[in-house]
Amino acid sequence: MEAPFAIPNSLAQRINFFPGNPVTLPVTVKFRELTPEPTSVFASLPYIDIRLPSDFFYPFVHSSGENGKIYHLIIIAMISAIL
């Protein structure tokens, strides 16, 4: 059976080989880390631009109704709902 790899002659001369006996080859493997170091990167906080329409508080602002008539309507509606 033929070996799947070739042994250089200089190495083959240093190995004590006897026919029929197994040959033990010392193997050294070194690994290099190629992955970059992890970094902590955080996104900036989002900018929230909240703009309410100019009439958003219309039913609740005293100046929006004519002399406070809206409050009277709300009170009348609440009382009629209770009764």
C-alpha atoms as a PDB file:
ATOM      1  CA  MET A   1       0.000   0.000   0.000  1.00  0.00           C
ATOM      2  CA  GLU A   2       1.370   3.368  -0.995  1.00  0.00           C
ATOM      3  CA  ALA A   3       1.465   6.271   1.450  1.00  0.00           C
ATOM      4  CA  PRO A   4      -0.841   9.192   0.586  1.00  0.00           C
ATOM      5  CA  PHE A   5       2.004  11.641   1.115  1.00  0.00           C
ATOM      6  CA  ALA A   6       5.701  11.668   0.347  1.00  0.00           C
ATOM      7  CA  ILE A   7       8.347  11.808   3.063  1.00  0.00           C
ATOM      8  CA  PRO A   8      11.383  13.936   2.201  1.00  0.00           C
ATOM      9  CA  ASN A   9      14.596  11.935   1.895  1.00  0.00           C
ATOM     10  CA  SER A  10      16.323  13.841   4.689  1.00  0.00           C
ATOM     11  CA  LEU A  11      13.522  12.869   7.089  1.00  0.00           C
ATOM     12  CA  ALA A  12      13.356   9.294   5.797  1.00  0.00           C
ATOM     13  CA  GLN A  13      17.036   8.810   6.564  1.00  0.00           C
ATOM     14  CA  ARG A  14      16.512   9.787  10.232  1.00  0.00           C
ATOM     15  CA  ILE A  15      13.580   7.384  10.795  1.00  0.00           C
ATOM     16  CA  ASN A  16      14.425   3.902  12.011  1.00  0.00           C
ATOM     17  CA  PHE A  17      12.276   1.782   9.761  1.00  0.00           C
ATOM     18  CA  PHE A  18      12.062  -1.952   9.923  1.00  0.00           C
ATOM     19  CA  PRO A  19       9.831  -3.771   7.430  1.00  0.00           C
ATOM     20  CA  GLY A  20       6.577  -4.918   9.020  1.00  0.00           C
ATOM     21  CA  ASN A  21       6.820  -2.545  11.991  1.00  0.00           C
ATOM     22  CA  PRO A  22       4.709   0.602  12.263  1.00  0.00           C
ATOM     23  CA  VAL A  23       6.418   3.952  11.946  1.00  0.00           C
ATOM     24  CA  THR A  24       5.537   6.660  14.429  1.00  0.00           C
ATOM     25  CA  LEU A  25       5.838  10.198  13.122  1.00  0.00           C
ATOM     26  CA  PRO A  26       5.816  13.114  15.542  1.00  0.00           C
ATOM     27  CA  VAL A  27       3.439  15.848  14.394  1.00  0.00           C
ATOM     28  CA  THR A  28       3.278  19.405  15.669  1.00  0.00           C
ATOM     29  CA  VAL A  29       0.436  21.706  14.744  1.00  0.00           C
ATOM     30  CA  LYS A  30       0.266  25.402  15.546  1.00  0.00           C
ATOM     31  CA  PHE A  31      -2.864  27.488  15.088  1.00  0.00           C
ATOM     32  CA  ARG A  32      -2.937  31.220  14.574  1.00  0.00           C
ATOM     33  CA  GLU A  33      -5.941  33.288  15.565  1.00  0.00           C
ATOM     34  CA  LEU A  34      -7.056  35.264  12.525  1.00  0.00           C
ATOM     35  CA  THR A  35     -10.396  36.493  13.841  1.00  0.00           C
ATOM     36  CA  PRO A  36     -10.273  40.187  14.801  1.00  0.00           C
ATOM     37  CA  GLU A  37     -11.015  41.157  18.387  1.00  0.00           C
ATOM     38  CA  PRO A  38     -14.702  41.894  19.016  1.00  0.00           C
ATOM     39  CA  THR A  39     -15.629  45.523  19.452  1.00  0.00           C
ATOM     40  CA  SER A  40     -18.627  47.011  21.193  1.00  0.00           C
ATOM     41  CA  VAL A  41     -20.312  49.412  18.831  1.00  0.00           C
ATOM     42  CA  PHE A  42     -23.595  50.984  19.841  1.00  0.00           C
ATOM     43  CA  ALA A  43     -25.900  52.889  17.566  1.00  0.00           C
ATOM     44  CA  SER A  44     -26.786  56.423  18.492  1.00  0.00           C
ATOM     45  CA  LEU A  45     -30.149  57.070  20.080  1.00  0.00           C
ATOM     46  CA  PRO A  46     -32.924  57.819  17.624  1.00  0.00           C
ATOM     47  CA  TYR A  47     -34.096  61.376  17.199  1.00  0.00           C
ATOM     48  CA  ILE A  48     -37.798  61.576  17.913  1.00  0.00           C
ATOM     49  CA  ASP A  49     -39.447  64.663  16.517  1.00  0.00           C
ATOM     50  CA  ILE A  50     -42.924  64.801  17.992  1.00  0.00           C
ATOM     51  CA  ARG A  51     -45.060  67.556  16.626  1.00  0.00           C
ATOM     52  CA  LEU A  52     -48.680  67.841  17.609  1.00  0.00           C
ATOM     53  CA  PRO A  53     -51.171  69.638  15.420  1.00  0.00           C
ATOM     54  CA  SER A  54     -51.992  73.163  16.507  1.00  0.00           C
ATOM     55  CA  ASP A  55     -55.558  72.134  17.412  1.00  0.00           C
ATOM     56  CA  PHE A  56     -54.607  68.966  19.325  1.00  0.00           C
ATOM     57  CA  PHE A  57     -55.853  70.313  22.683  1.00  0.00           C
ATOM     58  CA  TYR A  58     -58.845  72.105  21.131  1.00  0.00           C
ATOM     59  CA  PRO A  59     -61.576  70.585  23.333  1.00  0.00           C
ATOM     60  CA  PHE A  60     -59.563  71.138  26.525  1.00  0.00           C
ATOM     61  CA  VAL A  61     -58.182  74.648  26.131  1.00  0.00           C
ATOM     62  CA  HIS A  62     -60.355  77.398  27.580  1.00  0.00           C
ATOM     63  CA  SER A  63     -59.480  79.895  24.855  1.00  0.00           C
ATOM     64  CA  SER A  64     -60.481  77.484  22.090  1.00  0.00           C
ATOM     65  CA  GLY A  65     -64.212  77.626  22.905  1.00  0.00           C
ATOM     66  CA  GLU A  66     -66.366  80.711  22.838  1.00  0.00           C
ATOM     67  CA  ASN A  67     -66.303  81.977  26.421  1.00  0.00           C
ATOM     68  CA  GLY A  68     -66.071  78.447  27.844  1.00  0.00           C
ATOM     69  CA  LYS A  69     -69.227  77.103  26.182  1.00  0.00           C
ATOM     70  CA  ILE A  70     -67.446  73.849  25.359  1.00  0.00           C
ATOM     71  CA  TYR A  71     -67.053  73.099  29.070  1.00  0.00           C
ATOM     72  CA  HIS A  72     -70.757  73.557  29.586  1.00  0.00           C
ATOM     73  CA  LEU A  73     -71.480  71.107  26.786  1.00  0.00           C
ATOM     74  CA  ILE A  74     -69.082  68.536  28.256  1.00  0.00           C
ATOM     75  CA  ILE A  75     -70.642  68.846  31.710  1.00  0.00           C
ATOM     76  CA  ILE A  76     -74.169  68.546  30.297  1.00  0.00           C
ATOM     77  CA  ALA A  77     -73.150  65.470  28.278  1.00  0.00           C
ATOM     78  CA  MET A  78     -71.598  63.824  31.349  1.00  0.00           C
ATOM     79  CA  ILE A  79     -74.635  64.515  33.528  1.00  0.00           C
ATOM     80  CA  SER A  80     -77.035  63.198  30.903  1.00  0.00           C
ATOM     81  CA  ALA A  81     -74.916  60.050  30.536  1.00  0.00           C
ATOM     82  CA  ILE A  82     -75.080  59.400  34.272  1.00  0.00           C
ATOM     83  CA  LEU A  83     -78.833  59.865  34.455  1.00  0.00           C
END
